[in-house]
Amino acid sequence: MIQMVLATDKNGCIGKGGKLPFKLKTDLRNFAHVTQNTVCIMGRKTFESLKAPLQNRMNVVLTKHKEMTFNYCLYVAFDLLYYTLYLLH
């Protein structure tokens, strides 16, 4: 099963200047709880905005830059379809 966690402000904004447009501790706690021991897929800029990789999750970073590498056991996917097939194999 695939699930998505998405939060926006009242204008549909999901981020601004590398940060969330809001900060609600209960939402962040809920995100941490819901995503524990799962695969978290995010874009490169989202990953770079984090202080560290999300713990207890497989962090998948989507980027079009094939030369990009990230430390700390992260998977980098250049093609989401290819990565999806890899996970299902």
C-alpha atoms as a PDB file:
ATOM      1  CA  MET A   1       0.000   0.000   0.000  1.00  0.00           C
ATOM      2  CA  ILE A   2       1.199   3.492  -0.817  1.00  0.00           C
ATOM      3  CA  GLN A   3       0.303   6.354   1.501  1.00  0.00           C
ATOM      4  CA  MET A   4       1.119  10.034   1.258  1.00  0.00           C
ATOM      5  CA  VAL A   5       1.520  12.587   3.994  1.00  0.00           C
ATOM      6  CA  LEU A   6       1.057  16.137   2.762  1.00  0.00           C
ATOM      7  CA  ALA A   7       0.605  19.420   4.586  1.00  0.00           C
ATOM      8  CA  THR A   8      -0.075  22.796   3.018  1.00  0.00           C
ATOM      9  CA  ASP A   9      -0.924  26.260   4.205  1.00  0.00           C
ATOM     10  CA  LYS A  10      -4.252  27.860   3.265  1.00  0.00           C
ATOM     11  CA  ASN A  11      -2.801  28.889  -0.120  1.00  0.00           C
ATOM     12  CA  GLY A  12      -1.566  25.375  -0.989  1.00  0.00           C
ATOM     13  CA  CYS A  13       2.078  26.207  -0.252  1.00  0.00           C
ATOM     14  CA  ILE A  14       4.179  23.223   0.893  1.00  0.00           C
ATOM     15  CA  GLY A  15       7.409  25.107   1.556  1.00  0.00           C
ATOM     16  CA  LYS A  16       9.128  28.445   1.332  1.00  0.00           C
ATOM     17  CA  GLY A  17      12.824  29.234   1.543  1.00  0.00           C
ATOM     18  CA  GLY A  18      13.716  25.640   2.410  1.00  0.00           C
ATOM     19  CA  LYS A  19      11.348  25.591   5.388  1.00  0.00           C
ATOM     20  CA  LEU A  20       7.777  24.626   6.160  1.00  0.00           C
ATOM     21  CA  PRO A  21       5.379  27.571   5.950  1.00  0.00           C
ATOM     22  CA  PHE A  22       4.086  26.654   9.414  1.00  0.00           C
ATOM     23  CA  LYS A  23       5.340  24.865  12.528  1.00  0.00           C
ATOM     24  CA  LEU A  24       2.858  22.746  14.439  1.00  0.00           C
ATOM     25  CA  LYS A  25       4.454  20.352  16.920  1.00  0.00           C
ATOM     26  CA  THR A  26       1.477  17.976  16.836  1.00  0.00           C
ATOM     27  CA  ASP A  27       1.714  17.692  13.041  1.00  0.00           C
ATOM     28  CA  LEU A  28       5.449  16.993  13.205  1.00  0.00           C
ATOM     29  CA  ARG A  29       4.911  14.337  15.895  1.00  0.00           C
ATOM     30  CA  ASN A  30       2.155  12.741  13.820  1.00  0.00           C
ATOM     31  CA  PHE A  31       4.422  12.693  10.745  1.00  0.00           C
ATOM     32  CA  ALA A  32       7.195  11.033  12.758  1.00  0.00           C
ATOM     33  CA  HIS A  33       4.784   8.409  14.108  1.00  0.00           C
ATOM     34  CA  VAL A  34       3.079   7.629  10.789  1.00  0.00           C
ATOM     35  CA  THR A  35       6.331   7.321   8.845  1.00  0.00           C
ATOM     36  CA  GLN A  36       8.350   5.197  11.313  1.00  0.00           C
ATOM     37  CA  ASN A  37       9.907   2.120   9.645  1.00  0.00           C
ATOM     38  CA  THR A  38       8.711   3.135   6.181  1.00  0.00           C
ATOM     39  CA  VAL A  39      10.212   4.435   2.970  1.00  0.00           C
ATOM     40  CA  CYS A  40      10.184   8.246   2.772  1.00  0.00           C
ATOM     41  CA  ILE A  41      10.538   9.619  -0.748  1.00  0.00           C
ATOM     42  CA  MET A  42      11.514  13.268  -1.058  1.00  0.00           C
ATOM     43  CA  GLY A  43      13.120  15.661  -3.472  1.00  0.00           C
ATOM     44  CA  ARG A  44      16.727  16.759  -3.214  1.00  0.00           C
ATOM     45  CA  LYS A  45      15.885  20.219  -1.912  1.00  0.00           C
ATOM     46  CA  THR A  46      13.647  18.780   0.811  1.00  0.00           C
ATOM     47  CA  PHE A  47      16.402  16.394   1.872  1.00  0.00           C
ATOM     48  CA  GLU A  48      18.971  19.188   1.910  1.00  0.00           C
ATOM     49  CA  SER A  49      16.671  21.231   4.174  1.00  0.00           C
ATOM     50  CA  LEU A  50      16.764  18.503   6.856  1.00  0.00           C
ATOM     51  CA  LYS A  51      19.337  18.631   9.638  1.00  0.00           C
ATOM     52  CA  ALA A  52      19.970  14.889   9.244  1.00  0.00           C
ATOM     53  CA  PRO A  53      18.399  11.903   7.451  1.00  0.00           C
ATOM     54  CA  LEU A  54      15.053  10.858   8.915  1.00  0.00           C
ATOM     55  CA  GLN A  55      15.794   8.178  11.501  1.00  0.00           C
ATOM     56  CA  ASN A  56      14.177   4.723  11.349  1.00  0.00           C
ATOM     57  CA  ARG A  57      13.142   5.269   7.741  1.00  0.00           C
ATOM     58  CA  MET A  58      14.607   4.427   4.354  1.00  0.00           C
ATOM     59  CA  ASN A  59      15.310   7.866   2.893  1.00  0.00           C
ATOM     60  CA  VAL A  60      14.918   7.995  -0.895  1.00  0.00           C
ATOM     61  CA  VAL A  61      16.052  11.200  -2.547  1.00  0.00           C
ATOM     62  CA  LEU A  62      14.756  12.017  -6.029  1.00  0.00           C
ATOM     63  CA  THR A  63      17.095  14.064  -8.175  1.00  0.00           C
ATOM     64  CA  LYS A  64      17.857  14.527 -11.837  1.00  0.00           C
ATOM     65  CA  HIS A  65      21.561  14.964 -11.028  1.00  0.00           C
ATOM     66  CA  LYS A  66      23.134  11.523 -11.488  1.00  0.00           C
ATOM     67  CA  GLU A  67      26.403  12.637  -9.890  1.00  0.00           C
ATOM     68  CA  MET A  68      24.712  13.436  -6.557  1.00  0.00           C
ATOM     69  CA  THR A  69      25.600  11.284  -3.574  1.00  0.00           C
ATOM     70  CA  PHE A  70      24.461  11.560   0.015  1.00  0.00           C
ATOM     71  CA  ASN A  71      26.050  10.217   3.177  1.00  0.00           C
ATOM     72  CA  TYR A  72      24.429   7.945   5.718  1.00  0.00           C
ATOM     73  CA  CYS A  73      22.796   5.031   3.856  1.00  0.00           C
ATOM     74  CA  LEU A  74      20.464   6.984   1.604  1.00  0.00           C
ATOM     75  CA  TYR A  75      19.180   5.760  -1.690  1.00  0.00           C
ATOM     76  CA  VAL A  76      19.249   8.185  -4.578  1.00  0.00           C
ATOM     77  CA  ALA A  77      16.722   7.559  -7.350  1.00  0.00           C
ATOM     78  CA  PHE A  78      17.165   9.175 -10.739  1.00  0.00           C
ATOM     79  CA  ASP A  79      14.051   7.533 -12.108  1.00  0.00           C
ATOM     80  CA  LEU A  80      11.073   6.853  -9.822  1.00  0.00           C
ATOM     81  CA  LEU A  81       9.747   4.038 -12.037  1.00  0.00           C
ATOM     82  CA  TYR A  82      13.120   2.259 -11.941  1.00  0.00           C
ATOM     83  CA  TYR A  83      13.310   2.595  -8.166  1.00  0.00           C
ATOM     84  CA  THR A  84       9.730   1.362  -7.724  1.00  0.00           C
ATOM     85  CA  LEU A  85      10.525  -1.735  -9.764  1.00  0.00           C
ATOM     86  CA  TYR A  86      13.686  -2.240  -7.675  1.00  0.00           C
ATOM     87  CA  LEU A  87      11.623  -2.164  -4.455  1.00  0.00           C
ATOM     88  CA  LEU A  88       9.069  -4.627  -5.847  1.00  0.00           C
ATOM     89  CA  HIS A  89      11.695  -7.084  -7.096  1.00  0.00           C
END
